[in-house]
Protein backbone atom coordinates (compact mmCIF):
# COMPACT_ATOMS: atom_id res chain seq x y z
CA MET A 1 -11.35 -14.33 -21.68
CA LYS A 2 -8.57 -16.45 -21.13
CA ARG A 3 -6.81 -13.28 -20.60
CA ILE A 4 -9.15 -12.17 -17.58
CA ALA A 5 -9.18 -16.02 -15.67
CA LYS A 6 -5.36 -15.86 -15.92
CA ASN A 7 -4.77 -12.71 -14.16
CA LEU A 8 -7.65 -13.01 -11.79
CA CYS A 9 -5.98 -16.69 -11.17
CA ILE A 10 -2.63 -14.62 -10.48
CA LEU A 11 -4.31 -12.11 -8.27
CA VAL A 12 -5.63 -15.05 -6.08
CA THR A 13 -2.91 -16.79 -5.96
CA ALA A 14 -1.11 -13.87 -4.82
CA SER A 15 -3.72 -13.01 -2.08
CA LEU A 16 -3.52 -16.55 -0.58
CA ALA A 17 -0.04 -16.00 -0.38
CA LEU A 18 0.10 -12.87 1.41
CA ALA A 19 -2.53 -13.94 3.69
CA LEU A 20 -0.20 -17.13 4.52
CA ALA A 21 2.82 -15.22 4.97
CA ALA A 22 0.43 -12.86 7.40
CA ASP A 23 -0.52 -15.60 9.39
CA ASP A 24 3.06 -16.87 9.87
CA GLU A 25 4.15 -13.30 10.69
CA GLY A 26 1.04 -13.50 13.28
CA ARG A 27 2.10 -17.04 14.78
CA ALA A 28 5.86 -15.57 15.26
CA LEU A 29 4.86 -13.16 17.72
CA PRO A 30 5.08 -13.92 21.64
CA ASP A 31 2.24 -15.06 23.20
CA GLY A 32 0.46 -12.73 25.63
CA PRO A 33 -3.10 -10.96 25.24
CA GLY A 34 -3.74 -8.64 22.44
CA LYS A 35 -1.57 -11.12 19.98
CA GLU A 36 -4.37 -11.93 17.89
CA LEU A 37 -5.20 -8.29 17.56
CA VAL A 38 -1.69 -6.94 17.02
CA ALA A 39 -1.52 -10.02 13.90
CA LYS A 40 -5.17 -8.41 12.71
CA VAL A 41 -4.33 -5.29 12.76
CA CYS A 42 -1.19 -4.31 12.51
CA ILE A 43 0.53 -7.23 10.15
CA ASP A 44 -2.50 -6.20 7.51
CA CYS A 45 0.54 -3.40 6.64
CA HIS A 46 3.91 -4.23 8.21
CA THR A 47 5.78 -7.42 8.94
CA ALA A 48 6.25 -8.63 12.63
CA ALA A 49 9.94 -7.47 12.13
CA THR A 50 8.97 -3.73 11.86
CA PHE A 51 8.28 -3.52 15.24
CA ARG A 52 10.09 -6.36 16.74
CA LYS A 53 13.02 -4.65 16.69
CA MET A 54 11.44 -1.35 18.20
CA ARG A 55 11.95 -0.51 21.96
CA MET A 56 9.76 1.96 22.78
CA SER A 57 8.20 3.19 25.63
CA GLU A 58 4.29 3.03 26.76
CA ASP A 59 3.79 6.41 25.49
CA GLU A 60 5.82 6.39 22.41
CA TRP A 61 3.66 3.12 21.56
CA TYR A 62 0.38 5.13 22.01
CA ASP A 63 1.54 7.69 19.27
CA LYS A 64 2.54 4.94 17.18
CA VAL A 65 -0.41 3.37 17.20
CA GLY A 66 -2.27 6.32 17.08
CA ASP A 67 -0.61 7.84 14.12
CA MET A 68 -1.42 4.51 12.58
CA VAL A 69 -5.08 4.41 13.27
CA ASP A 70 -4.49 8.24 11.39
CA ARG A 71 -2.86 6.50 8.51
CA GLY A 72 -5.76 3.98 8.02
CA ALA A 73 -5.49 1.02 10.66
CA LYS A 74 -8.64 0.19 11.67
CA ALA A 75 -8.61 -0.16 16.03
CA ASP A 76 -11.34 1.69 18.42
CA GLU A 77 -10.31 3.05 21.47
CA LYS A 78 -10.39 -0.05 23.35
CA GLN A 79 -8.64 -2.09 20.88
CA GLN A 80 -5.62 0.96 20.51
CA THR A 81 -5.13 0.61 24.42
CA GLU A 82 -5.37 -3.54 23.98
CA ILE A 83 -2.71 -3.19 21.23
CA VAL A 84 -0.37 -0.65 22.96
CA ALA A 85 -0.22 -2.90 26.36
CA TYR A 86 0.96 -6.31 24.15
CA LEU A 87 3.27 -4.01 22.51
CA ALA A 88 4.96 -2.24 25.54
CA ARG A 89 5.20 -5.35 27.12
CA ASN A 90 6.76 -7.26 24.47
CA PHE A 91 8.56 -4.65 22.65
CA GLY A 92 9.25 -1.37 25.37
CA LYS A 93 11.92 -0.19 26.57
CA ASP A 94 13.32 -3.15 28.79
CA ALA A 95 11.20 -5.68 26.93
CA LYS A 96 14.12 -8.94 26.26
CA VAL A 97 14.08 -10.78 23.01
CA ASN A 98 12.47 -14.06 22.41
CA MET A 99 15.30 -15.94 21.07
CA ASN A 100 13.01 -18.55 19.47
CA THR A 101 10.69 -16.27 17.73
CA ALA A 102 12.92 -12.99 17.36
CA PRO A 103 13.57 -12.47 13.40
CA PRO A 104 17.21 -11.44 12.14
CA SER A 105 16.30 -7.50 12.34
CA GLU A 106 15.59 -7.95 16.21
CA LEU A 107 18.76 -10.09 16.58
CA MET A 108 20.51 -7.44 15.10
CA VAL A 109 19.16 -4.31 16.37
CA VAL A 110 18.20 -5.01 19.80
CA LEU A 111 21.06 -7.52 20.47
CA GLY A 112 23.94 -6.26 18.11
CA PHE A 113 24.51 -9.56 16.42
CA THR A 114 26.19 -9.13 12.74
CA VAL A 115 23.65 -10.14 9.78
CA ASP A 116 25.72 -13.58 9.94
CA GLU A 117 25.49 -14.45 13.04
CA SER A 118 21.56 -13.44 13.15
CA LYS A 119 21.03 -15.67 10.23
CA ALA A 120 23.24 -18.63 11.93
CA LEU A 121 20.68 -18.22 15.03
CA VAL A 122 17.80 -18.50 13.00
CA ALA A 123 18.85 -21.54 11.08
CA TYR A 124 19.93 -23.63 13.94
CA ARG A 125 16.72 -23.13 16.11
CA THR A 126 14.91 -23.85 12.94
CA ASP A 127 16.65 -26.93 12.64
CA HIS A 128 17.73 -28.35 16.08
CA GLY A 129 14.69 -26.74 17.74
CA ALA A 130 13.83 -24.13 20.55
CA PHE A 131 16.48 -22.84 22.54
CA LYS A 132 16.51 -23.47 26.32
CA GLU A 133 18.53 -20.51 28.07
CA TRP A 134 21.26 -18.96 26.97
CA SER A 135 24.18 -21.30 27.47
CA ASP A 136 22.35 -23.14 24.04
CA VAL A 137 22.74 -19.97 21.90
CA VAL A 138 26.58 -20.01 22.84
CA LYS A 139 26.55 -23.67 21.15
CA VAL A 140 25.72 -22.02 17.58
CA PRO A 141 28.64 -22.03 14.99
CA GLY A 142 29.70 -18.82 13.84
CA VAL A 143 27.99 -16.74 16.77
CA ASP A 144 30.41 -14.98 19.09
CA ALA A 145 30.47 -16.59 22.32
CA LYS A 146 31.59 -13.25 24.17
CA LYS A 147 28.37 -11.21 22.44
CA VAL A 148 25.79 -13.98 23.49
CA GLU A 149 26.90 -13.96 27.40
CA ALA A 150 27.29 -9.89 27.27
CA GLN A 151 23.75 -9.92 26.23
CA LYS A 152 22.48 -13.01 27.96
CA GLU A 153 20.11 -10.26 30.30
CA LYS A 154 18.51 -9.44 27.38
CA MET A 155 17.19 -12.65 26.07
CA THR A 156 13.99 -15.39 26.59
CA PHE A 157 12.98 -18.29 26.06
């Protein structure tokens, strides 16, 4: 009986940890219509970093979301349209990177920062608060200022 209780306790603790992590992932998404739905439908299976680093057209997002629904994601047609609109607006081909919420993988893939630069950017904003403009990003120790300036048009704050 003790063994069953112990295993149940471990399962409940793990489930709670996953739920809290998913909640954090959802909060880190850019604000706007569809955010809560994306957090609810997509983050059950993926971290936000999975799709934040993708930059796809609306049609490509429709294909991707349709594929996920075919694989078991729970979203009706209206919800899929809302999800696609959110993803295309925030992670479309021309979407800018939110420097205050982007995970390291998005900073690396979309803006070309190195692993170390991306970690430095995330650590800096955690310790010093939100970036207000691209010139704040230049101040981060260990980040190439020329790279920041070259990518400034792809950044939002």
